[in-house]
PDB file of N, CA and C in Angstrom:
ATOM      1  N   MET A   1      17.532 -27.290 -13.921  1.00  0.00           N
ATOM      2  CA  MET A   1      18.487 -26.320 -13.454  1.00  0.00           C
ATOM      3  C   MET A   1      18.840 -25.814 -14.699  1.00  0.00           C
ATOM      4  N   GLN A   2      19.134 -26.478 -15.686  1.00  0.00           N
ATOM      5  CA  GLN A   2      18.928 -25.880 -17.205  1.00  0.00           C
ATOM      6  C   GLN A   2      18.214 -25.307 -17.805  1.00  0.00           C
ATOM      7  N   GLU A   3      16.787 -25.269 -17.328  1.00  0.00           N
ATOM      8  CA  GLU A   3      15.524 -24.412 -18.373  1.00  0.00           C
ATOM      9  C   GLU A   3      15.373 -23.202 -17.246  1.00  0.00           C
ATOM     10  N   GLN A   4      16.139 -23.477 -15.717  1.00  0.00           N
ATOM     11  CA  GLN A   4      16.155 -22.275 -15.223  1.00  0.00           C
ATOM     12  C   GLN A   4      17.115 -21.163 -15.615  1.00  0.00           C
ATOM     13  N   ILE A   5      18.157 -21.557 -15.992  1.00  0.00           N
ATOM     14  CA  ILE A   5      19.336 -20.966 -16.688  1.00  0.00           C
ATOM     15  C   ILE A   5      19.041 -19.958 -17.761  1.00  0.00           C
ATOM     16  N   LYS A   6      18.652 -21.322 -18.693  1.00  0.00           N
ATOM     17  CA  LYS A   6      17.806 -20.254 -19.963  1.00  0.00           C
ATOM     18  C   LYS A   6      16.416 -19.115 -20.191  1.00  0.00           C
ATOM     19  N   THR A   7      15.651 -19.693 -19.162  1.00  0.00           N
ATOM     20  CA  THR A   7      15.135 -18.335 -18.809  1.00  0.00           C
ATOM     21  C   THR A   7      15.329 -17.171 -18.383  1.00  0.00           C
ATOM     22  N   GLU A   8      16.341 -17.364 -17.448  1.00  0.00           N
ATOM     23  CA  GLU A   8      17.358 -15.894 -17.072  1.00  0.00           C
ATOM     24  C   GLU A   8      17.877 -15.364 -17.942  1.00  0.00           C
ATOM     25  N   ILE A   9      18.913 -16.542 -18.888  1.00  0.00           N
ATOM     26  CA  ILE A   9      19.611 -16.021 -20.153  1.00  0.00           C
ATOM     27  C   ILE A   9      18.225 -14.818 -21.116  1.00  0.00           C
ATOM     28  N   ARG A  10      17.460 -15.617 -21.148  1.00  0.00           N
ATOM     29  CA  ARG A  10      16.612 -15.054 -22.260  1.00  0.00           C
ATOM     30  C   ARG A  10      15.836 -13.628 -21.593  1.00  0.00           C
ATOM     31  N   SER A  11      15.517 -13.304 -20.754  1.00  0.00           N
ATOM     32  CA  SER A  11      14.895 -12.705 -19.829  1.00  0.00           C
ATOM     33  C   SER A  11      15.933 -11.304 -19.889  1.00  0.00           C
ATOM     34  N   THR A  12      17.224 -11.350 -19.589  1.00  0.00           N
ATOM     35  CA  THR A  12      17.948 -10.750 -19.671  1.00  0.00           C
ATOM     36  C   THR A  12      18.396 -10.031 -20.962  1.00  0.00           C
ATOM     37  N   TYR A  13      18.957 -10.985 -21.771  1.00  0.00           N
ATOM     38  CA  TYR A  13      18.644 -10.404 -23.228  1.00  0.00           C
ATOM     39  C   TYR A  13      17.472  -9.400 -23.611  1.00  0.00           C
ATOM     40  N   ILE A  14      16.263  -9.767 -23.123  1.00  0.00           N
ATOM     41  CA  ILE A  14      15.232  -8.644 -23.321  1.00  0.00           C
ATOM     42  C   ILE A  14      15.129  -7.810 -22.911  1.00  0.00           C
ATOM     43  N   GLU A  15      15.766  -7.919 -21.155  1.00  0.00           N
ATOM     44  CA  GLU A  15      15.355  -6.533 -20.674  1.00  0.00           C
ATOM     45  C   GLU A  15      16.850  -5.202 -21.220  1.00  0.00           C
ATOM     46  N   GLY A  16      17.796  -6.101 -21.773  1.00  0.00           N
ATOM     47  CA  GLY A  16      18.838  -5.374 -22.344  1.00  0.00           C
ATOM     48  C   GLY A  16      18.339  -4.910 -23.660  1.00  0.00           C
ATOM     49  N   LEU A  17      17.632  -5.478 -24.888  1.00  0.00           N
ATOM     50  CA  LEU A  17      16.892  -4.231 -25.807  1.00  0.00           C
ATOM     51  C   LEU A  17      16.258  -3.307 -25.576  1.00  0.00           C
ATOM     52  N   LYS A  18      15.798  -3.434 -24.199  1.00  0.00           N
ATOM     53  CA  LYS A  18      14.783  -2.100 -23.941  1.00  0.00           C
ATOM     54  C   LYS A  18      15.634  -0.941 -23.796  1.00  0.00           C
ATOM     55  N   THR A  19      16.891  -1.234 -23.336  1.00  0.00           N
ATOM     56  CA  THR A  19      17.936  -0.123 -23.515  1.00  0.00           C
ATOM     57  C   THR A  19      18.765  -0.001 -24.719  1.00  0.00           C
ATOM     58  N   LYS A  20      18.638  -1.446 -25.489  1.00  0.00           N
ATOM     59  CA  LYS A  20      19.507  -1.009 -26.801  1.00  0.00           C
ATOM     60  C   LYS A  20      20.962  -1.757 -26.669  1.00  0.00           C
ATOM     61  N   ALA A  21      21.002  -2.538 -25.267  1.00  0.00           N
ATOM     62  CA  ALA A  21      22.407  -3.110 -24.745  1.00  0.00           C
ATOM     63  C   ALA A  21      22.594  -4.564 -25.238  1.00  0.00           C
ATOM     64  N   ASP A  22      23.748  -4.498 -25.895  1.00  0.00           N
ATOM     65  CA  ASP A  22      23.918  -6.189 -26.390  1.00  0.00           C
ATOM     66  C   ASP A  22      25.014  -6.453 -24.679  1.00  0.00           C
ATOM     67  N   LEU A  23      23.889  -7.089 -23.925  1.00  0.00           N
ATOM     68  CA  LEU A  23      24.456  -7.428 -23.046  1.00  0.00           C
ATOM     69  C   LEU A  23      25.644  -8.642 -22.709  1.00  0.00           C
ATOM     70  N   TYR A  24      25.270  -9.445 -24.158  1.00  0.00           N
ATOM     71  CA  TYR A  24      26.098 -10.755 -24.325  1.00  0.00           C
ATOM     72  C   TYR A  24      26.967 -10.751 -25.123  1.00  0.00           C
ATOM     73  N   SER A  25      27.142  -9.587 -25.761  1.00  0.00           N
ATOM     74  CA  SER A  25      28.353  -9.173 -26.757  1.00  0.00           C
ATOM     75  C   SER A  25      27.797 -10.117 -27.955  1.00  0.00           C
ATOM     76  N   LEU A  26      26.948 -10.490 -28.219  1.00  0.00           N
ATOM     77  CA  LEU A  26      26.649 -11.032 -29.529  1.00  0.00           C
ATOM     78  C   LEU A  26      26.777 -10.035 -30.932  1.00  0.00           C
ATOM     79  N   GLU A  27      27.380  -8.842 -30.979  1.00  0.00           N
ATOM     80  CA  GLU A  27      27.681  -8.172 -31.901  1.00  0.00           C
ATOM     81  C   GLU A  27      29.133  -8.905 -32.393  1.00  0.00           C
ATOM     82  N   LEU A  28      29.980  -8.734 -31.445  1.00  0.00           N
ATOM     83  CA  LEU A  28      31.484  -9.661 -31.091  1.00  0.00           C
ATOM     84  C   LEU A  28      31.244 -10.599 -31.751  1.00  0.00           C
ATOM     85  N   VAL A  29      30.531 -11.879 -31.695  1.00  0.00           N
ATOM     86  CA  VAL A  29      30.387 -12.969 -31.850  1.00  0.00           C
ATOM     87  C   VAL A  29      30.066 -13.093 -33.348  1.00  0.00           C
ATOM     88  N   LEU A  30      29.203 -12.374 -33.899  1.00  0.00           N
ATOM     89  CA  LEU A  30      29.354 -12.039 -35.500  1.00  0.00           C
ATOM     90  C   LEU A  30      30.142 -11.449 -35.920  1.00  0.00           C
ATOM     91  N   TYR A  31      30.855 -10.267 -35.645  1.00  0.00           N
ATOM     92  CA  TYR A  31      31.965  -9.932 -36.062  1.00  0.00           C
ATOM     93  C   TYR A  31      33.121 -11.033 -36.584  1.00  0.00           C
ATOM     94  N   ARG A  32      33.207 -11.829 -35.313  1.00  0.00           N
ATOM     95  CA  ARG A  32      34.337 -12.626 -35.709  1.00  0.00           C
ATOM     96  C   ARG A  32      33.561 -14.246 -36.450  1.00  0.00           C
ATOM     97  N   GLU A  33      32.582 -14.585 -36.386  1.00  0.00           N
ATOM     98  CA  GLU A  33      31.833 -15.680 -37.297  1.00  0.00           C
ATOM     99  C   GLU A  33      31.672 -15.219 -38.282  1.00  0.00           C
ATOM    100  N   GLN A  34      31.010 -13.958 -38.542  1.00  0.00           N
ATOM    101  CA  GLN A  34      30.164 -14.188 -40.047  1.00  0.00           C
ATOM    102  C   GLN A  34      30.628 -12.705 -40.176  1.00  0.00           C
ATOM    103  N   TYR A  35      31.529 -12.461 -40.601  1.00  0.00           N
ATOM    104  CA  TYR A  35      32.425 -10.710 -40.763  1.00  0.00           C
ATOM    105  C   TYR A  35      31.307  -9.940 -42.050  1.00  0.00           C
ATOM    106  N   PRO A  36      30.754 -10.885 -43.404  1.00  0.00           N
ATOM    107  CA  PRO A  36      30.562  -9.954 -44.389  1.00  0.00           C
ATOM    108  C   PRO A  36      28.567  -9.556 -43.564  1.00  0.00           C
ATOM    109  N   LEU A  37      28.260 -10.722 -42.956  1.00  0.00           N
ATOM    110  CA  LEU A  37      26.652 -10.434 -42.350  1.00  0.00           C
ATOM    111  C   LEU A  37      26.718  -8.912 -41.223  1.00  0.00           C
ATOM    112  N   TRP A  38      27.905  -9.264 -40.487  1.00  0.00           N
ATOM    113  CA  TRP A  38      28.240  -8.340 -39.739  1.00  0.00           C
ATOM    114  C   TRP A  38      28.333  -6.863 -40.181  1.00  0.00           C
ATOM    115  N   LYS A  39      29.137  -6.621 -41.482  1.00  0.00           N
ATOM    116  CA  LYS A  39      29.266  -5.582 -42.354  1.00  0.00           C
ATOM    117  C   LYS A  39      27.894  -5.040 -42.647  1.00  0.00           C
ATOM    118  N   THR A  40      27.179  -5.875 -42.994  1.00  0.00           N
ATOM    119  CA  THR A  40      26.038  -5.794 -43.646  1.00  0.00           C
ATOM    120  C   THR A  40      25.181  -4.855 -42.840  1.00  0.00           C
ATOM    121  N   LEU A  41      24.744  -5.241 -41.498  1.00  0.00           N
ATOM    122  CA  LEU A  41      24.239  -4.785 -40.534  1.00  0.00           C
ATOM    123  C   LEU A  41      24.463  -3.434 -40.063  1.00  0.00           C
ATOM    124  N   GLN A  42      26.058  -3.225 -40.063  1.00  0.00           N
ATOM    125  CA  GLN A  42      26.560  -2.253 -39.273  1.00  0.00           C
ATOM    126  C   GLN A  42      26.001  -1.279 -40.313  1.00  0.00           C
ATOM    127  N   ALA A  43      25.936  -1.305 -41.672  1.00  0.00           N
ATOM    128  CA  ALA A  43      25.956  -0.267 -42.841  1.00  0.00           C
ATOM    129  C   ALA A  43      24.591   0.427 -42.477  1.00  0.00           C
ATOM    130  N   GLY A  44      23.569  -0.231 -41.907  1.00  0.00           N
ATOM    131  CA  GLY A  44      22.254   0.176 -41.375  1.00  0.00           C
ATOM    132  C   GLY A  44      22.454   1.734 -40.446  1.00  0.00           C
ATOM    133  N   ASN A  45      23.823   1.496 -39.516  1.00  0.00           N
ATOM    134  CA  ASN A  45      24.418   2.069 -38.552  1.00  0.00           C
ATOM    135  C   ASN A  45      23.070   2.439 -37.341  1.00  0.00           C
ATOM    136  N   ARG A  46      22.344   1.384 -37.014  1.00  0.00           N
ATOM    137  CA  ARG A  46      21.322   1.365 -35.938  1.00  0.00           C
ATOM    138  C   ARG A  46      21.424  -0.278 -35.283  1.00  0.00           C
ATOM    139  N   PHE A  47      20.591  -0.210 -34.115  1.00  0.00           N
ATOM    140  CA  PHE A  47      20.873  -1.199 -33.327  1.00  0.00           C
ATOM    141  C   PHE A  47      19.705  -2.266 -34.094  1.00  0.00           C
ATOM    142  N   TRP A  48      20.591  -3.579 -34.393  1.00  0.00           N
ATOM    143  CA  TRP A  48      19.712  -4.300 -35.183  1.00  0.00           C
ATOM    144  C   TRP A  48      19.140  -5.819 -34.222  1.00  0.00           C
ATOM    145  N   LEU A  49      19.982  -5.692 -33.038  1.00  0.00           N
ATOM    146  CA  LEU A  49      19.117  -7.173 -32.160  1.00  0.00           C
ATOM    147  C   LEU A  49      17.722  -6.757 -32.048  1.00  0.00           C
ATOM    148  N   GLN A  50      16.975  -8.030 -31.990  1.00  0.00           N
ATOM    149  CA  GLN A  50      15.716  -8.171 -31.846  1.00  0.00           C
ATOM    150  C   GLN A  50      15.423  -9.121 -30.919  1.00  0.00           C
ATOM    151  N   ARG A  51      14.027  -9.137 -30.384  1.00  0.00           N
ATOM    152  CA  ARG A  51      13.743 -10.470 -29.783  1.00  0.00           C
ATOM    153  C   ARG A  51      14.149 -11.629 -30.017  1.00  0.00           C
ATOM    154  N   ASP A  52      13.809 -11.808 -31.551  1.00  0.00           N
ATOM    155  CA  ASP A  52      13.859 -12.843 -31.717  1.00  0.00           C
ATOM    156  C   ASP A  52      15.250 -13.574 -32.440  1.00  0.00           C
ATOM    157  N   SER A  53      15.980 -12.468 -32.206  1.00  0.00           N
ATOM    158  CA  SER A  53      17.922 -12.881 -32.869  1.00  0.00           C
ATOM    159  C   SER A  53      18.141 -14.017 -32.023  1.00  0.00           C
ATOM    160  N   ILE A  54      17.703 -14.402 -30.818  1.00  0.00           N
ATOM    161  CA  ILE A  54      18.647 -15.805 -30.459  1.00  0.00           C
ATOM    162  C   ILE A  54      17.164 -16.805 -30.730  1.00  0.00           C
ATOM    163  N   GLN A  55      17.880 -17.375 -31.433  1.00  0.00           N
ATOM    164  CA  GLN A  55      16.707 -18.744 -31.501  1.00  0.00           C
ATOM    165  C   GLN A  55      16.635 -19.913 -30.720  1.00  0.00           C
ATOM    166  N   SER A  56      17.959 -19.968 -30.214  1.00  0.00           N
ATOM    167  CA  SER A  56      17.909 -21.207 -29.316  1.00  0.00           C
ATOM    168  C   SER A  56      19.134 -21.005 -28.240  1.00  0.00           C
ATOM    169  N   ILE A  57      19.324 -21.360 -27.199  1.00  0.00           N
ATOM    170  CA  ILE A  57      19.843 -21.031 -26.113  1.00  0.00           C
ATOM    171  C   ILE A  57      20.300 -22.870 -25.618  1.00  0.00           C
ATOM    172  N   ALA A  58      21.492 -23.216 -25.737  1.00  0.00           N
ATOM    173  CA  ALA A  58      22.300 -24.457 -25.261  1.00  0.00           C
ATOM    174  C   ALA A  58      22.743 -24.131 -23.976  1.00  0.00           C
ATOM    175  N   VAL A  59      22.243 -24.981 -22.789  1.00  0.00           N
ATOM    176  CA  VAL A  59      22.886 -25.067 -21.453  1.00  0.00           C
ATOM    177  C   VAL A  59      23.553 -25.984 -21.279  1.00  0.00           C
ATOM    178  N   LYS A  60      24.511 -26.450 -20.437  1.00  0.00           N
ATOM    179  CA  LYS A  60      25.196 -27.427 -20.278  1.00  0.00           C
ATOM    180  C   LYS A  60      25.750 -27.512 -18.462  1.00  0.00           C
ATOM    181  N   VAL A  61      25.270 -28.041 -17.832  1.00  0.00           N
ATOM    182  CA  VAL A  61      25.254 -27.701 -16.542  1.00  0.00           C
ATOM    183  C   VAL A  61      25.917 -28.793 -15.885  1.00  0.00           C
ATOM    184  N   PHE A  62      27.148 -28.912 -15.281  1.00  0.00           N
ATOM    185  CA  PHE A  62      28.030 -30.104 -14.465  1.00  0.00           C
ATOM    186  C   PHE A  62      28.008 -29.684 -12.896  1.00  0.00           C
ATOM    187  N   MET A  63      27.280 -30.406 -12.352  1.00  0.00           N
ATOM    188  CA  MET A  63      27.739 -30.204 -10.438  1.00  0.00           C
ATOM    189  C   MET A  63      28.921 -31.167 -10.379  1.00  0.00           C
ATOM    190  N   LYS A  64      29.362 -29.905  -9.723  1.00  0.00           N
ATOM    191  CA  LYS A  64      30.619 -31.032  -9.037  1.00  0.00           C
ATOM    192  C   LYS A  64      30.698 -31.654  -7.745  1.00  0.00           C
ATOM    193  N   ASN A  65      29.719 -30.950  -7.106  1.00  0.00           N
ATOM    194  CA  ASN A  65      29.144 -31.498  -5.659  1.00  0.00           C
ATOM    195  C   ASN A  65      27.698 -31.809  -5.304  1.00  0.00           C
ATOM    196  N   ARG A  66      27.224 -32.695  -5.095  1.00  0.00           N
ATOM    197  CA  ARG A  66      25.692 -32.742  -4.882  1.00  0.00           C
ATOM    198  C   ARG A  66      25.065 -32.578  -3.731  1.00  0.00           C
ATOM    199  N   GLY A  67      26.168 -32.998  -2.790  1.00  0.00           N
ATOM    200  CA  GLY A  67      25.736 -32.561  -1.151  1.00  0.00           C
ATOM    201  C   GLY A  67      25.805 -31.402  -0.906  1.00  0.00           C
ATOM    202  N   ILE A  68      25.134 -31.114   0.123  1.00  0.00           N
ATOM    203  CA  ILE A  68      25.371 -30.013   0.966  1.00  0.00           C
ATOM    204  C   ILE A  68      26.611 -29.776   1.810  1.00  0.00           C
ATOM    205  N   LEU A  69      27.328 -28.886   1.384  1.00  0.00           N
ATOM    206  CA  LEU A  69      28.672 -28.672   2.004  1.00  0.00           C
ATOM    207  C   LEU A  69      28.286 -28.460   3.648  1.00  0.00           C
ATOM    208  N   LYS A  70      28.878 -29.021   4.606  1.00  0.00           N
ATOM    209  CA  LYS A  70      28.989 -28.674   5.830  1.00  0.00           C
ATOM    210  C   LYS A  70      30.093 -27.631   6.322  1.00  0.00           C
ATOM    211  N   MET A  71      29.153 -26.592   6.796  1.00  0.00           N
ATOM    212  CA  MET A  71      29.678 -25.109   7.141  1.00  0.00           C
ATOM    213  C   MET A  71      30.431 -25.235   8.610  1.00  0.00           C
ATOM    214  N   HIS A  72      31.348 -25.095   9.189  1.00  0.00           N
ATOM    215  CA  HIS A  72      31.958 -25.039  10.216  1.00  0.00           C
ATOM    216  C   HIS A  72      32.222 -23.546  10.676  1.00  0.00           C
ATOM    217  N   PRO A  73      31.608 -23.335  11.886  1.00  0.00           N
ATOM    218  CA  PRO A  73      32.325 -21.664  12.328  1.00  0.00           C
ATOM    219  C   PRO A  73      33.362 -21.631  12.424  1.00  0.00           C
ATOM    220  N   ARG A  74      34.081 -20.881  11.514  1.00  0.00           N
ATOM    221  CA  ARG A  74      35.434 -20.584  12.017  1.00  0.00           C
ATOM    222  C   ARG A  74      35.481 -19.995  13.298  1.00  0.00           C
ATOM    223  N   LYS A  75      36.535 -20.461  14.152  1.00  0.00           N
ATOM    224  CA  LYS A  75      36.942 -19.609  15.384  1.00  0.00           C
ATOM    225  C   LYS A  75      37.929 -18.458  14.999  1.00  0.00           C
ATOM    226  N   MET A  76      37.441 -17.307  15.883  1.00  0.00           N
ATOM    227  CA  MET A  76      38.516 -16.447  15.987  1.00  0.00           C
ATOM    228  C   MET A  76      39.592 -16.390  16.267  1.00  0.00           C
ATOM    229  N   PRO A  77      40.983 -15.611  15.968  1.00  0.00           N
ATOM    230  CA  PRO A  77      42.204 -15.963  17.127  1.00  0.00           C
ATOM    231  C   PRO A  77      41.933 -15.597  18.133  1.00  0.00           C
ATOM    232  N   GLN A  78      41.025 -14.371  18.605  1.00  0.00           N
ATOM    233  CA  GLN A  78      40.943 -14.068  19.620  1.00  0.00           C
ATOM    234  C   GLN A  78      40.072 -15.086  20.842  1.00  0.00           C
ATOM    235  N   ASP A  79      39.298 -15.700  20.356  1.00  0.00           N
ATOM    236  CA  ASP A  79      38.396 -17.018  20.721  1.00  0.00           C
ATOM    237  C   ASP A  79      39.363 -18.260  21.219  1.00  0.00           C
ATOM    238  N   MET A  80      40.548 -18.020  20.076  1.00  0.00           N
ATOM    239  CA  MET A  80      41.313 -19.545  20.549  1.00  0.00           C
ATOM    240  C   MET A  80      42.255 -18.767  21.982  1.00  0.00           C
ATOM    241  N   GLU A  81      42.384 -17.614  21.657  1.00  0.00           N
ATOM    242  CA  GLU A  81      43.909 -17.515  22.951  1.00  0.00           C
ATOM    243  C   GLU A  81      42.613 -17.614  24.212  1.00  0.00           C
ATOM    244  N   ASP A  82      41.442 -17.649  24.242  1.00  0.00           N
ATOM    245  CA  ASP A  82      41.012 -17.724  25.538  1.00  0.00           C
ATOM    246  C   ASP A  82      40.676 -19.589  26.043  1.00  0.00           C
ATOM    247  N   SER A  83      40.880 -20.052  24.828  1.00  0.00           N
ATOM    248  CA  SER A  83      40.734 -21.651  25.344  1.00  0.00           C
ATOM    249  C   SER A  83      41.876 -22.057  25.091  1.00  0.00           C
ATOM    250  N   GLY A  84      42.855 -21.755  24.677  1.00  0.00           N
ATOM    251  CA  GLY A  84      44.273 -22.112  24.346  1.00  0.00           C
ATOM    252  C   GLY A  84      44.392 -22.770  23.691  1.00  0.00           C
ATOM    253  N   GLU A  85      43.770 -22.735  22.347  1.00  0.00           N
ATOM    254  CA  GLU A  85      43.887 -23.305  21.160  1.00  0.00           C
ATOM    255  C   GLU A  85      44.909 -22.670  19.946  1.00  0.00           C
ATOM    256  N   ARG A  86      45.413 -22.805  19.131  1.00  0.00           N
ATOM    257  CA  ARG A  86      46.056 -22.127  17.995  1.00  0.00           C
ATOM    258  C   ARG A  86      45.423 -22.086  16.591  1.00  0.00           C
ATOM    259  N   ALA A  87      45.781 -20.973  16.286  1.00  0.00           N
ATOM    260  CA  ALA A  87      44.890 -20.548  14.753  1.00  0.00           C
ATOM    261  C   ALA A  87      45.434 -21.794  14.050  1.00  0.00           C
ATOM    262  N   ASP A  88      46.283 -22.099  14.128  1.00  0.00           N
ATOM    263  CA  ASP A  88      46.392 -23.363  12.419  1.00  0.00           C
ATOM    264  C   ASP A  88      45.745 -24.516  12.895  1.00  0.00           C
ATOM    265  N   ASP A  89      45.382 -25.140  14.259  1.00  0.00           N
ATOM    266  CA  ASP A  89      44.503 -26.044  14.337  1.00  0.00           C
ATOM    267  C   ASP A  89      43.061 -26.056  13.379  1.00  0.00           C
ATOM    268  N   HIS A  90      42.912 -24.883  13.094  1.00  0.00           N
ATOM    269  CA  HIS A  90      41.518 -25.128  12.269  1.00  0.00           C
ATOM    270  C   HIS A  90      41.766 -24.632  10.984  1.00  0.00           C
ATOM    271  N   GLU A  91      42.990 -24.836  10.120  1.00  0.00           N
ATOM    272  CA  GLU A  91      43.203 -24.400   9.293  1.00  0.00           C
ATOM    273  C   GLU A  91      42.863 -25.438   7.939  1.00  0.00           C
TER     274      GLU A  91
END
């Protein structure tokens, strides 16, 4: 799952580069964490993100529930009236 997420992040990033879009707001991160470098890059007044600007992607997945959730069809109020059930019996 982690590898799939990394692949999707990288491919989305590369698609954004085609239209010069900073889809993950990397410029803002650079501005906050490395202001002098950001200021230098801004001086050129050009889109500076490149294919290799992201060198690594770290993904940590936490699965809260590994099982398949059982889905119970919810009865509509008009169906319950026909059977004599109350709506709050299924909440």
